[in-house]
Amino acid sequence: MTPDALVEFCLSLPQATETFPFGEETSVFKTSGNGKIFALSALDGEPFSVSLKCDPEEGRALREEFPAHIIPGYHLNKKHWITIVLDGFVPDELVENLLRDSHALVRPKVPRAPRGSAG
């Protein structure tokens, strides 16, 4: 996955925005509804990587499966965040699924429509 592909994919998710609160070198992807972060990436970083929110058990399993390419979240809560090195070893499809899952963990919940009474 390239930096451009990462940006394009993240921004394709519902209500996703890209911000730069930590400076121009770090893209922070949030949901516009509540401003919660679902991914961060230094797009010109070496190595190129993305950090994202992840279920703790899934994160542990992924770190075991890809020990050199998926690590605890860099400068983030190590239980709830992982960092993926995007050097082609971790399949793009898996990265996209993890980004979708991260987005789903933080996106604003859509209120249910009130149940109408038949009248």
PDB file of N, CA and C in Angstrom:
ATOM      1  N   MET A   1       0.852  -1.181   0.000  1.00  0.00           N
ATOM      2  CA  MET A   1       0.000   0.000   0.000  1.00  0.00           C
ATOM      3  C   MET A   1       0.893   1.237   0.000  1.00  0.00           C
ATOM      4  N   THR A   2       0.566   2.153  -0.873  1.00  0.00           N
ATOM      5  CA  THR A   2       1.332   3.397  -0.972  1.00  0.00           C
ATOM      6  C   THR A   2       0.713   4.459  -0.056  1.00  0.00           C
ATOM      7  N   PRO A   3       1.459   5.514   0.235  1.00  0.00           N
ATOM      8  CA  PRO A   3       0.867   6.605   1.016  1.00  0.00           C
ATOM      9  C   PRO A   3      -0.393   7.173   0.367  1.00  0.00           C
ATOM     10  N   ASP A   4      -0.373   7.366  -0.962  1.00  0.00           N
ATOM     11  CA  ASP A   4      -1.557   7.894  -1.649  1.00  0.00           C
ATOM     12  C   ASP A   4      -2.739   6.953  -1.527  1.00  0.00           C
ATOM     13  N   ALA A   5      -2.484   5.645  -1.656  1.00  0.00           N
ATOM     14  CA  ALA A   5      -3.562   4.654  -1.534  1.00  0.00           C
ATOM     15  C   ALA A   5      -4.130   4.641  -0.121  1.00  0.00           C
ATOM     16  N   LEU A   6      -3.268   4.816   0.880  1.00  0.00           N
ATOM     17  CA  LEU A   6      -3.733   4.859   2.272  1.00  0.00           C
ATOM     18  C   LEU A   6      -4.659   6.059   2.482  1.00  0.00           C
ATOM     19  N   VAL A   7      -4.234   7.223   2.024  1.00  0.00           N
ATOM     20  CA  VAL A   7      -5.062   8.429   2.168  1.00  0.00           C
ATOM     21  C   VAL A   7      -6.390   8.237   1.451  1.00  0.00           C
ATOM     22  N   GLU A   8      -6.336   7.760   0.215  1.00  0.00           N
ATOM     23  CA  GLU A   8      -7.553   7.570  -0.569  1.00  0.00           C
ATOM     24  C   GLU A   8      -8.504   6.602   0.133  1.00  0.00           C
ATOM     25  N   PHE A   9      -7.962   5.497   0.647  1.00  0.00           N
ATOM     26  CA  PHE A   9      -8.825   4.518   1.308  1.00  0.00           C
ATOM     27  C   PHE A   9      -9.438   5.108   2.581  1.00  0.00           C
ATOM     28  N   CYS A  10      -8.622   5.727   3.419  1.00  0.00           N
ATOM     29  CA  CYS A  10      -9.145   6.295   4.669  1.00  0.00           C
ATOM     30  C   CYS A  10     -10.234   7.323   4.400  1.00  0.00           C
ATOM     31  N   LEU A  11     -10.014   8.176   3.408  1.00  0.00           N
ATOM     32  CA  LEU A  11     -11.003   9.220   3.112  1.00  0.00           C
ATOM     33  C   LEU A  11     -12.253   8.673   2.432  1.00  0.00           C
ATOM     34  N   SER A  12     -12.203   7.421   1.972  1.00  0.00           N
ATOM     35  CA  SER A  12     -13.384   6.809   1.363  1.00  0.00           C
ATOM     36  C   SER A  12     -14.367   6.305   2.417  1.00  0.00           C
ATOM     37  N   LEU A  13     -13.923   6.225   3.662  1.00  0.00           N
ATOM     38  CA  LEU A  13     -14.796   5.748   4.732  1.00  0.00           C
ATOM     39  C   LEU A  13     -15.776   6.847   5.135  1.00  0.00           C
ATOM     40  N   PRO A  14     -16.981   6.483   5.574  1.00  0.00           N
ATOM     41  CA  PRO A  14     -17.998   7.491   5.904  1.00  0.00           C
ATOM     42  C   PRO A  14     -17.515   8.500   6.948  1.00  0.00           C
ATOM     43  N   GLN A  15     -17.754   9.755   6.692  1.00  0.00           N
ATOM     44  CA  GLN A  15     -17.451  10.871   7.600  1.00  0.00           C
ATOM     45  C   GLN A  15     -15.966  11.003   7.932  1.00  0.00           C
ATOM     46  N   ALA A  16     -15.077  10.429   7.113  1.00  0.00           N
ATOM     47  CA  ALA A  16     -13.645  10.495   7.392  1.00  0.00           C
ATOM     48  C   ALA A  16     -13.063  11.827   6.937  1.00  0.00           C
ATOM     49  N   THR A  17     -12.168  12.369   7.760  1.00  0.00           N
ATOM     50  CA  THR A  17     -11.448  13.585   7.418  1.00  0.00           C
ATOM     51  C   THR A  17      -9.975  13.376   7.728  1.00  0.00           C
ATOM     52  N   GLU A  18      -9.126  14.143   7.037  1.00  0.00           N
ATOM     53  CA  GLU A  18      -7.686  14.105   7.292  1.00  0.00           C
ATOM     54  C   GLU A  18      -7.291  15.423   7.934  1.00  0.00           C
ATOM     55  N   THR A  19      -6.590  15.342   9.050  1.00  0.00           N
ATOM     56  CA  THR A  19      -6.134  16.539   9.749  1.00  0.00           C
ATOM     57  C   THR A  19      -4.638  16.404  10.038  1.00  0.00           C
ATOM     58  N   PHE A  20      -4.031  17.486  10.493  1.00  0.00           N
ATOM     59  CA  PHE A  20      -2.593  17.507  10.752  1.00  0.00           C
ATOM     60  C   PHE A  20      -2.300  18.179  12.098  1.00  0.00           C
ATOM     61  N   PRO A  21      -2.875  17.677  13.200  1.00  0.00           N
ATOM     62  CA  PRO A  21      -2.678  18.331  14.495  1.00  0.00           C
ATOM     63  C   PRO A  21      -1.262  18.214  15.048  1.00  0.00           C
ATOM     64  N   PHE A  22      -0.470  17.279  14.532  1.00  0.00           N
ATOM     65  CA  PHE A  22       0.887  17.070  15.036  1.00  0.00           C
ATOM     66  C   PHE A  22       1.940  17.593  14.067  1.00  0.00           C
ATOM     67  N   GLY A  23       1.523  18.365  13.072  1.00  0.00           N
ATOM     68  CA  GLY A  23       2.438  18.900  12.072  1.00  0.00           C
ATOM     69  C   GLY A  23       2.181  18.266  10.716  1.00  0.00           C
ATOM     70  N   GLU A  24       2.765  18.873   9.689  1.00  0.00           N
ATOM     71  CA  GLU A  24       2.533  18.456   8.307  1.00  0.00           C
ATOM     72  C   GLU A  24       2.958  17.032   8.011  1.00  0.00           C
ATOM     73  N   GLU A  25       3.874  16.494   8.810  1.00  0.00           N
ATOM     74  CA  GLU A  25       4.412  15.173   8.496  1.00  0.00           C
ATOM     75  C   GLU A  25       3.535  14.012   8.962  1.00  0.00           C
ATOM     76  N   THR A  26       2.508  14.280   9.771  1.00  0.00           N
ATOM     77  CA  THR A  26       1.663  13.196  10.284  1.00  0.00           C
ATOM     78  C   THR A  26       0.203  13.428   9.913  1.00  0.00           C
ATOM     79  N   SER A  27      -0.333  12.518   9.090  1.00  0.00           N
ATOM     80  CA  SER A  27      -1.757  12.557   8.748  1.00  0.00           C
ATOM     81  C   SER A  27      -2.535  11.862   9.851  1.00  0.00           C
ATOM     82  N   VAL A  28      -3.589  12.521  10.300  1.00  0.00           N
ATOM     83  CA  VAL A  28      -4.464  11.954  11.324  1.00  0.00           C
ATOM     84  C   VAL A  28      -5.854  11.860  10.718  1.00  0.00           C
ATOM     85  N   PHE A  29      -6.391  10.646  10.686  1.00  0.00           N
ATOM     86  CA  PHE A  29      -7.702  10.414  10.101  1.00  0.00           C
ATOM     87  C   PHE A  29      -8.722  10.276  11.219  1.00  0.00           C
ATOM     88  N   LYS A  30      -9.776  11.096  11.128  1.00  0.00           N
ATOM     89  CA  LYS A  30     -10.814  11.152  12.162  1.00  0.00           C
ATOM     90  C   LYS A  30     -12.177  11.004  11.510  1.00  0.00           C
ATOM     91  N   THR A  31     -13.176  10.756  12.352  1.00  0.00           N
ATOM     92  CA  THR A  31     -14.548  10.819  11.880  1.00  0.00           C
ATOM     93  C   THR A  31     -15.064  12.215  12.184  1.00  0.00           C
ATOM     94  N   SER A  32     -15.710  12.830  11.219  1.00  0.00           N
ATOM     95  CA  SER A  32     -16.155  14.213  11.396  1.00  0.00           C
ATOM     96  C   SER A  32     -17.294  14.333  12.398  1.00  0.00           C
ATOM     97  N   GLY A  33     -18.054  13.270  12.596  1.00  0.00           N
ATOM     98  CA  GLY A  33     -19.184  13.337  13.509  1.00  0.00           C
ATOM     99  C   GLY A  33     -18.792  13.543  14.958  1.00  0.00           C
ATOM    100  N   ASN A  34     -17.656  12.940  15.369  1.00  0.00           N
ATOM    101  CA  ASN A  34     -17.255  13.072  16.776  1.00  0.00           C
ATOM    102  C   ASN A  34     -15.779  13.419  16.938  1.00  0.00           C
ATOM    103  N   GLY A  35     -15.056  13.529  15.855  1.00  0.00           N
ATOM    104  CA  GLY A  35     -13.654  13.919  15.913  1.00  0.00           C
ATOM    105  C   GLY A  35     -12.720  12.863  16.468  1.00  0.00           C
ATOM    106  N   LYS A  36     -13.169  11.616  16.571  1.00  0.00           N
ATOM    107  CA  LYS A  36     -12.312  10.560  17.113  1.00  0.00           C
ATOM    108  C   LYS A  36     -11.369  10.034  16.036  1.00  0.00           C
ATOM    109  N   ILE A  37     -10.140   9.753  16.454  1.00  0.00           N
ATOM    110  CA  ILE A  37      -9.096   9.275  15.546  1.00  0.00           C
ATOM    111  C   ILE A  37      -9.264   7.778  15.301  1.00  0.00           C
ATOM    112  N   PHE A  38      -9.150   7.376  14.009  1.00  0.00           N
ATOM    113  CA  PHE A  38      -9.140   5.948  13.710  1.00  0.00           C
ATOM    114  C   PHE A  38      -7.839   5.502  13.057  1.00  0.00           C
ATOM    115  N   ALA A  39      -7.005   6.430  12.574  1.00  0.00           N
ATOM    116  CA  ALA A  39      -5.718   6.058  11.991  1.00  0.00           C
ATOM    117  C   ALA A  39      -4.777   7.254  11.979  1.00  0.00           C
ATOM    118  N   LEU A  40      -3.471   6.962  12.097  1.00  0.00           N
ATOM    119  CA  LEU A  40      -2.429   7.980  12.018  1.00  0.00           C
ATOM    120  C   LEU A  40      -1.309   7.420  11.156  1.00  0.00           C
ATOM    121  N   SER A  41      -0.676   8.287  10.366  1.00  0.00           N
ATOM    122  CA  SER A  41       0.431   7.826   9.552  1.00  0.00           C
ATOM    123  C   SER A  41       1.376   8.973   9.224  1.00  0.00           C
ATOM    124  N   ALA A  42       2.668   8.682   9.337  1.00  0.00           N
ATOM    125  CA  ALA A  42       3.684   9.589   8.814  1.00  0.00           C
ATOM    126  C   ALA A  42       3.882   9.151   7.370  1.00  0.00           C
ATOM    127  N   LEU A  43       3.218   9.821   6.438  1.00  0.00           N
ATOM    128  CA  LEU A  43       3.150   9.361   5.055  1.00  0.00           C
ATOM    129  C   LEU A  43       4.505   9.283   4.375  1.00  0.00           C
ATOM    130  N   ASP A  44       5.474  10.055   4.848  1.00  0.00           N
ATOM    131  CA  ASP A  44       6.806   9.967   4.251  1.00  0.00           C
ATOM    132  C   ASP A  44       7.785   9.297   5.214  1.00  0.00           C
ATOM    133  N   GLY A  45       7.256   8.584   6.207  1.00  0.00           N
ATOM    134  CA  GLY A  45       8.100   7.921   7.199  1.00  0.00           C
ATOM    135  C   GLY A  45       8.873   6.754   6.615  1.00  0.00           C
ATOM    136  N   GLU A  46       9.989   6.471   7.219  1.00  0.00           N
ATOM    137  CA  GLU A  46      10.794   5.305   6.857  1.00  0.00           C
ATOM    138  C   GLU A  46      10.980   4.469   8.098  1.00  0.00           C
ATOM    139  N   PRO A  47      10.392   3.311   8.208  1.00  0.00           N
ATOM    140  CA  PRO A  47       9.529   2.736   7.195  1.00  0.00           C
ATOM    141  C   PRO A  47       8.136   3.369   7.235  1.00  0.00           C
ATOM    142  N   PHE A  48       7.432   3.293   6.121  1.00  0.00           N
ATOM    143  CA  PHE A  48       6.061   3.787   6.014  1.00  0.00           C
ATOM    144  C   PHE A  48       5.172   2.875   6.852  1.00  0.00           C
ATOM    145  N   SER A  49       4.343   3.477   7.706  1.00  0.00           N
ATOM    146  CA  SER A  49       3.486   2.678   8.583  1.00  0.00           C
ATOM    147  C   SER A  49       2.191   3.421   8.864  1.00  0.00           C
ATOM    148  N   VAL A  50       1.228   2.692   9.422  1.00  0.00           N
ATOM    149  CA  VAL A  50      -0.024   3.287   9.859  1.00  0.00           C
ATOM    150  C   VAL A  50      -0.349   2.713  11.231  1.00  0.00           C
ATOM    151  N   SER A  51      -0.841   3.555  12.119  1.00  0.00           N
ATOM    152  CA  SER A  51      -1.309   3.110  13.433  1.00  0.00           C
ATOM    153  C   SER A  51      -2.821   3.204  13.424  1.00  0.00           C
ATOM    154  N   LEU A  52      -3.467   2.185  13.993  1.00  0.00           N
ATOM    155  CA  LEU A  52      -4.921   2.176  14.007  1.00  0.00           C
ATOM    156  C   LEU A  52      -5.446   1.476  15.250  1.00  0.00           C
ATOM    157  N   LYS A  53      -6.688   1.798  15.574  1.00  0.00           N
ATOM    158  CA  LYS A  53      -7.353   1.226  16.735  1.00  0.00           C
ATOM    159  C   LYS A  53      -7.746  -0.208  16.405  1.00  0.00           C
ATOM    160  N   CYS A  54      -7.648  -1.094  17.400  1.00  0.00           N
ATOM    161  CA  CYS A  54      -7.886  -2.506  17.145  1.00  0.00           C
ATOM    162  C   CYS A  54      -8.400  -3.176  18.414  1.00  0.00           C
ATOM    163  N   ASP A  55      -9.288  -4.137  18.248  1.00  0.00           N
ATOM    164  CA  ASP A  55      -9.734  -4.945  19.373  1.00  0.00           C
ATOM    165  C   ASP A  55      -8.498  -5.567  20.025  1.00  0.00           C
ATOM    166  N   PRO A  56      -8.376  -5.518  21.363  1.00  0.00           N
ATOM    167  CA  PRO A  56      -7.170  -6.020  22.025  1.00  0.00           C
ATOM    168  C   PRO A  56      -6.816  -7.471  21.694  1.00  0.00           C
ATOM    169  N   GLU A  57      -7.794  -8.357  21.642  1.00  0.00           N
ATOM    170  CA  GLU A  57      -7.500  -9.765  21.342  1.00  0.00           C
ATOM    171  C   GLU A  57      -7.050  -9.935  19.890  1.00  0.00           C
ATOM    172  N   GLU A  58      -7.705  -9.237  18.975  1.00  0.00           N
ATOM    173  CA  GLU A  58      -7.308  -9.307  17.574  1.00  0.00           C
ATOM    174  C   GLU A  58      -5.902  -8.734  17.394  1.00  0.00           C
ATOM    175  N   GLY A  59      -5.625  -7.624  18.085  1.00  0.00           N
ATOM    176  CA  GLY A  59      -4.298  -7.022  18.003  1.00  0.00           C
ATOM    177  C   GLY A  59      -3.212  -7.970  18.472  1.00  0.00           C
ATOM    178  N   ARG A  60      -3.476  -8.691  19.555  1.00  0.00           N
ATOM    179  CA  ARG A  60      -2.504  -9.651  20.075  1.00  0.00           C
ATOM    180  C   ARG A  60      -2.256 -10.755  19.049  1.00  0.00           C
ATOM    181  N   ALA A  61      -3.334 -11.281  18.461  1.00  0.00           N
ATOM    182  CA  ALA A  61      -3.202 -12.344  17.463  1.00  0.00           C
ATOM    183  C   ALA A  61      -2.430 -11.853  16.235  1.00  0.00           C
ATOM    184  N   LEU A  62      -2.712 -10.635  15.787  1.00  0.00           N
ATOM    185  CA  LEU A  62      -2.008 -10.083  14.628  1.00  0.00           C
ATOM    186  C   LEU A  62      -0.527  -9.869  14.918  1.00  0.00           C
ATOM    187  N   ARG A  63      -0.208  -9.416  16.129  1.00  0.00           N
ATOM    188  CA  ARG A  63       1.206  -9.224  16.492  1.00  0.00           C
ATOM    189  C   ARG A  63       1.943 -10.559  16.515  1.00  0.00           C
ATOM    190  N   GLU A  64       1.250 -11.636  16.904  1.00  0.00           N
ATOM    191  CA  GLU A  64       1.867 -12.960  16.895  1.00  0.00           C
ATOM    192  C   GLU A  64       2.055 -13.471  15.463  1.00  0.00           C
ATOM    193  N   GLU A  65       1.086 -13.193  14.597  1.00  0.00           N
ATOM    194  CA  GLU A  65       1.148 -13.669  13.211  1.00  0.00           C
ATOM    195  C   GLU A  65       2.173 -12.896  12.383  1.00  0.00           C
ATOM    196  N   PHE A  66       2.308 -11.601  12.635  1.00  0.00           N
ATOM    197  CA  PHE A  66       3.221 -10.739  11.872  1.00  0.00           C
ATOM    198  C   PHE A  66       4.150  -9.994  12.833  1.00  0.00           C
ATOM    199  N   PRO A  67       5.002 -10.708  13.590  1.00  0.00           N
ATOM    200  CA  PRO A  67       5.763 -10.065  14.665  1.00  0.00           C
ATOM    201  C   PRO A  67       6.700  -8.938  14.236  1.00  0.00           C
ATOM    202  N   ALA A  68       7.205  -8.976  13.026  1.00  0.00           N
ATOM    203  CA  ALA A  68       8.115  -7.918  12.578  1.00  0.00           C
ATOM    204  C   ALA A  68       7.395  -6.796  11.849  1.00  0.00           C
ATOM    205  N   HIS A  69       6.099  -6.976  11.593  1.00  0.00           N
ATOM    206  CA  HIS A  69       5.370  -6.005  10.769  1.00  0.00           C
ATOM    207  C   HIS A  69       4.151  -5.386  11.443  1.00  0.00           C
ATOM    208  N   ILE A  70       3.671  -6.010  12.504  1.00  0.00           N
ATOM    209  CA  ILE A  70       2.581  -5.432  13.290  1.00  0.00           C
ATOM    210  C   ILE A  70       3.052  -5.411  14.733  1.00  0.00           C
ATOM    211  N   ILE A  71       3.139  -4.203  15.279  1.00  0.00           N
ATOM    212  CA  ILE A  71       3.674  -4.010  16.629  1.00  0.00           C
ATOM    213  C   ILE A  71       2.660  -3.223  17.459  1.00  0.00           C
ATOM    214  N   PRO A  72       2.850  -3.197  18.791  1.00  0.00           N
ATOM    215  CA  PRO A  72       1.965  -2.353  19.600  1.00  0.00           C
ATOM    216  C   PRO A  72       2.023  -0.906  19.096  1.00  0.00           C
ATOM    217  N   GLY A  73       0.925  -0.192  19.235  1.00  0.00           N
ATOM    218  CA  GLY A  73       0.827   1.169  18.730  1.00  0.00           C
ATOM    219  C   GLY A  73       1.979   2.055  19.159  1.00  0.00           C
ATOM    220  N   TYR A  74       2.647   2.654  18.197  1.00  0.00           N
ATOM    221  CA  TYR A  74       3.782   3.521  18.449  1.00  0.00           C
ATOM    222  C   TYR A  74       3.299   4.823  19.089  1.00  0.00           C
ATOM    223  N   HIS A  75       3.750   5.101  20.308  1.00  0.00           N
ATOM    224  CA  HIS A  75       3.340   6.286  21.079  1.00  0.00           C
ATOM    225  C   HIS A  75       1.834   6.328  21.341  1.00  0.00           C
ATOM    226  N   LEU A  76       1.201   5.149  21.421  1.00  0.00           N
ATOM    227  CA  LEU A  76      -0.242   5.070  21.645  1.00  0.00           C
ATOM    228  C   LEU A  76      -0.519   4.011  22.705  1.00  0.00           C
ATOM    229  N   ASN A  77      -1.767   3.907  23.113  1.00  0.00           N
ATOM    230  CA  ASN A  77      -2.170   2.879  24.065  1.00  0.00           C
ATOM    231  C   ASN A  77      -1.869   1.519  23.454  1.00  0.00           C
ATOM    232  N   LYS A  78      -0.956   0.773  24.074  1.00  0.00           N
ATOM    233  CA  LYS A  78      -0.479  -0.492  23.506  1.00  0.00           C
ATOM    234  C   LYS A  78      -1.548  -1.580  23.497  1.00  0.00           C
ATOM    235  N   LYS A  79      -2.586  -1.426  24.300  1.00  0.00           N
ATOM    236  CA  LYS A  79      -3.645  -2.425  24.361  1.00  0.00           C
ATOM    237  C   LYS A  79      -4.636  -2.249  23.210  1.00  0.00           C
ATOM    238  N   HIS A  80      -4.929  -1.013  22.852  1.00  0.00           N
ATOM    239  CA  HIS A  80      -5.998  -0.725  21.895  1.00  0.00           C
ATOM    240  C   HIS A  80      -5.520  -0.260  20.523  1.00  0.00           C
ATOM    241  N   TRP A  81      -4.211  -0.091  20.327  1.00  0.00           N
ATOM    242  CA  TRP A  81      -3.695   0.406  19.060  1.00  0.00           C
ATOM    243  C   TRP A  81      -2.564  -0.497  18.567  1.00  0.00           C
ATOM    244  N   ILE A  82      -2.490  -0.660  17.239  1.00  0.00           N
ATOM    245  CA  ILE A  82      -1.381  -1.369  16.616  1.00  0.00           C
ATOM    246  C   ILE A  82      -0.774  -0.474  15.542  1.00  0.00           C
ATOM    247  N   THR A  83       0.494  -0.731  15.240  1.00  0.00           N
ATOM    248  CA  THR A  83       1.173  -0.050  14.145  1.00  0.00           C
ATOM    249  C   THR A  83       1.567  -1.111  13.135  1.00  0.00           C
ATOM    250  N   ILE A  84       1.198  -0.879  11.875  1.00  0.00           N
ATOM    251  CA  ILE A  84       1.486  -1.819  10.791  1.00  0.00           C
ATOM    252  C   ILE A  84       2.545  -1.204   9.883  1.00  0.00           C
ATOM    253  N   VAL A  85       3.643  -1.919   9.687  1.00  0.00           N
ATOM    254  CA  VAL A  85       4.662  -1.487   8.736  1.00  0.00           C
ATOM    255  C   VAL A  85       4.148  -1.845   7.345  1.00  0.00           C
ATOM    256  N   LEU A  86       4.030  -0.832   6.492  1.00  0.00           N
ATOM    257  CA  LEU A  86       3.436  -1.015   5.163  1.00  0.00           C
ATOM    258  C   LEU A  86       4.529  -1.176   4.108  1.00  0.00           C
ATOM    259  N   ASP A  87       5.196  -2.320   4.176  1.00  0.00           N
ATOM    260  CA  ASP A  87       6.275  -2.614   3.235  1.00  0.00           C
ATOM    261  C   ASP A  87       5.896  -3.727   2.265  1.00  0.00           C
ATOM    262  N   GLY A  88       4.594  -4.079   2.219  1.00  0.00           N
ATOM    263  CA  GLY A  88       4.128  -5.105   1.305  1.00  0.00           C
ATOM    264  C   GLY A  88       4.004  -6.483   1.931  1.00  0.00           C
ATOM    265  N   PHE A  89       4.526  -6.663   3.139  1.00  0.00           N
ATOM    266  CA  PHE A  89       4.464  -7.979   3.778  1.00  0.00           C
ATOM    267  C   PHE A  89       3.056  -8.292   4.280  1.00  0.00           C
ATOM    268  N   VAL A  90       2.407  -7.313   4.921  1.00  0.00           N
ATOM    269  CA  VAL A  90       1.024  -7.481   5.374  1.00  0.00           C
ATOM    270  C   VAL A  90       0.125  -7.173   4.178  1.00  0.00           C
ATOM    271  N   PRO A  91      -0.740  -8.111   3.771  1.00  0.00           N
ATOM    272  CA  PRO A  91      -1.566  -7.897   2.575  1.00  0.00           C
ATOM    273  C   PRO A  91      -2.429  -6.632   2.673  1.00  0.00           C
ATOM    274  N   ASP A  92      -2.524  -5.908   1.553  1.00  0.00           N
ATOM    275  CA  ASP A  92      -3.321  -4.680   1.513  1.00  0.00           C
ATOM    276  C   ASP A  92      -4.766  -4.941   1.937  1.00  0.00           C
ATOM    277  N   GLU A  93      -5.313  -6.078   1.539  1.00  0.00           N
ATOM    278  CA  GLU A  93      -6.698  -6.399   1.894  1.00  0.00           C
ATOM    279  C   GLU A  93      -6.867  -6.468   3.419  1.00  0.00           C
ATOM    280  N   LEU A  94      -5.883  -7.046   4.102  1.00  0.00           N
ATOM    281  CA  LEU A  94      -5.943  -7.102   5.563  1.00  0.00           C
ATOM    282  C   LEU A  94      -5.834  -5.697   6.152  1.00  0.00           C
ATOM    283  N   VAL A  95      -4.938  -4.876   5.614  1.00  0.00           N
ATOM    284  CA  VAL A  95      -4.784  -3.500   6.103  1.00  0.00           C
ATOM    285  C   VAL A  95      -6.100  -2.742   5.924  1.00  0.00           C
ATOM    286  N   GLU A  96      -6.740  -2.897   4.774  1.00  0.00           N
ATOM    287  CA  GLU A  96      -8.016  -2.216   4.524  1.00  0.00           C
ATOM    288  C   GLU A  96      -9.086  -2.697   5.493  1.00  0.00           C
ATOM    289  N   ASN A  97      -9.147  -4.005   5.735  1.00  0.00           N
ATOM    290  CA  ASN A  97     -10.126  -4.528   6.701  1.00  0.00           C
ATOM    291  C   ASN A  97      -9.869  -3.983   8.099  1.00  0.00           C
ATOM    292  N   LEU A  98      -8.609  -3.889   8.490  1.00  0.00           N
ATOM    293  CA  LEU A  98      -8.282  -3.355   9.818  1.00  0.00           C
ATOM    294  C   LEU A  98      -8.621  -1.869   9.909  1.00  0.00           C
ATOM    295  N   LEU A  99      -8.415  -1.131   8.829  1.00  0.00           N
ATOM    296  CA  LEU A  99      -8.800   0.284   8.815  1.00  0.00           C
ATOM    297  C   LEU A  99     -10.315   0.431   8.926  1.00  0.00           C
ATOM    298  N   ARG A 100     -11.061  -0.431   8.213  1.00  0.00           N
ATOM    299  CA  ARG A 100     -12.528  -0.402   8.332  1.00  0.00           C
ATOM    300  C   ARG A 100     -12.958  -0.696   9.769  1.00  0.00           C
ATOM    301  N   ASP A 101     -12.332  -1.698  10.370  1.00  0.00           N
ATOM    302  CA  ASP A 101     -12.673  -2.060  11.753  1.00  0.00           C
ATOM    303  C   ASP A 101     -12.347  -0.919  12.715  1.00  0.00           C
ATOM    304  N   SER A 102     -11.201  -0.284  12.523  1.00  0.00           N
ATOM    305  CA  SER A 102     -10.816   0.840  13.373  1.00  0.00           C
ATOM    306  C   SER A 102     -11.828   1.973  13.247  1.00  0.00           C
ATOM    307  N   HIS A 103     -12.208   2.270  12.020  1.00  0.00           N
ATOM    308  CA  HIS A 103     -13.203   3.305  11.767  1.00  0.00           C
ATOM    309  C   HIS A 103     -14.520   2.953  12.460  1.00  0.00           C
ATOM    310  N   ALA A 104     -14.922   1.687  12.363  1.00  0.00           N
ATOM    311  CA  ALA A 104     -16.180   1.248  12.986  1.00  0.00           C
ATOM    312  C   ALA A 104     -16.129   1.376  14.504  1.00  0.00           C
ATOM    313  N   LEU A 105     -14.941   1.203  15.096  1.00  0.00           N
ATOM    314  CA  LEU A 105     -14.815   1.306  16.551  1.00  0.00           C
ATOM    315  C   LEU A 105     -15.038   2.733  17.051  1.00  0.00           C
ATOM    316  N   VAL A 106     -14.736   3.727  16.223  1.00  0.00           N
ATOM    317  CA  VAL A 106     -14.815   5.121  16.695  1.00  0.00           C
ATOM    318  C   VAL A 106     -15.920   5.946  16.051  1.00  0.00           C
ATOM    319  N   ARG A 107     -16.504   5.473  14.962  1.00  0.00           N
ATOM    320  CA  ARG A 107     -17.481   6.315  14.265  1.00  0.00           C
ATOM    321  C   ARG A 107     -18.698   6.576  15.146  1.00  0.00           C
ATOM    322  N   PRO A 108     -19.326   7.717  14.919  1.00  0.00           N
ATOM    323  CA  PRO A 108     -20.520   8.031  15.708  1.00  0.00           C
ATOM    324  C   PRO A 108     -21.602   6.991  15.466  1.00  0.00           C
ATOM    325  N   LYS A 109     -22.256   6.629  16.515  1.00  0.00           N
ATOM    326  CA  LYS A 109     -23.358   5.673  16.395  1.00  0.00           C
ATOM    327  C   LYS A 109     -24.563   6.399  15.811  1.00  0.00           C
ATOM    328  N   VAL A 110     -25.204   5.758  14.866  1.00  0.00           N
ATOM    329  CA  VAL A 110     -26.398   6.343  14.252  1.00  0.00           C
ATOM    330  C   VAL A 110     -27.573   5.996  15.157  1.00  0.00           C
ATOM    331  N   PRO A 111     -28.292   7.012  15.630  1.00  0.00           N
ATOM    332  CA  PRO A 111     -29.427   6.706  16.510  1.00  0.00           C
ATOM    333  C   PRO A 111     -30.491   5.924  15.766  1.00  0.00           C
ATOM    334  N   ARG A 112     -31.098   5.016  16.462  1.00  0.00           N
ATOM    335  CA  ARG A 112     -32.172   4.252  15.860  1.00  0.00           C
ATOM    336  C   ARG A 112     -33.385   5.137  15.713  1.00  0.00           C
ATOM    337  N   ALA A 113     -34.120   4.878  14.654  1.00  0.00           N
ATOM    338  CA  ALA A 113     -35.355   5.620  14.463  1.00  0.00           C
ATOM    339  C   ALA A 113     -36.334   5.218  15.552  1.00  0.00           C
ATOM    340  N   PRO A 114     -37.037   6.195  16.131  1.00  0.00           N
ATOM    341  CA  PRO A 114     -38.006   5.834  17.174  1.00  0.00           C
ATOM    342  C   PRO A 114     -39.087   4.947  16.587  1.00  0.00           C
ATOM    343  N   ARG A 115     -39.487   4.009  17.379  1.00  0.00           N
ATOM    344  CA  ARG A 115     -40.542   3.120  16.927  1.00  0.00           C
ATOM    345  C   ARG A 115     -41.876   3.869  16.982  1.00  0.00           C
ATOM    346  N   GLY A 116     -42.511   3.881  15.865  1.00  0.00           N
ATOM    347  CA  GLY A 116     -43.814   4.543  15.805  1.00  0.00           C
ATOM    348  C   GLY A 116     -44.913   3.587  16.222  1.00  0.00           C
ATOM    349  N   SER A 117     -45.946   4.111  16.819  1.00  0.00           N
ATOM    350  CA  SER A 117     -47.056   3.246  17.173  1.00  0.00           C
ATOM    351  C   SER A 117     -48.085   3.300  16.069  1.00  0.00           C
ATOM    352  N   ALA A 118     -48.533   2.135  15.696  1.00  0.00           N
ATOM    353  CA  ALA A 118     -49.541   2.067  14.637  1.00  0.00           C
ATOM    354  C   ALA A 118     -50.845   2.624  15.177  1.00  0.00           C
ATOM    355  N   GLY A 119     -51.434   3.489  14.420  1.00  0.00           N
ATOM    356  CA  GLY A 119     -52.494   4.177  15.019  1.00  0.00           C
ATOM    357  C   GLY A 119     -53.800   4.178  14.551  1.00  0.00           C
TER     358      GLY A 119
END
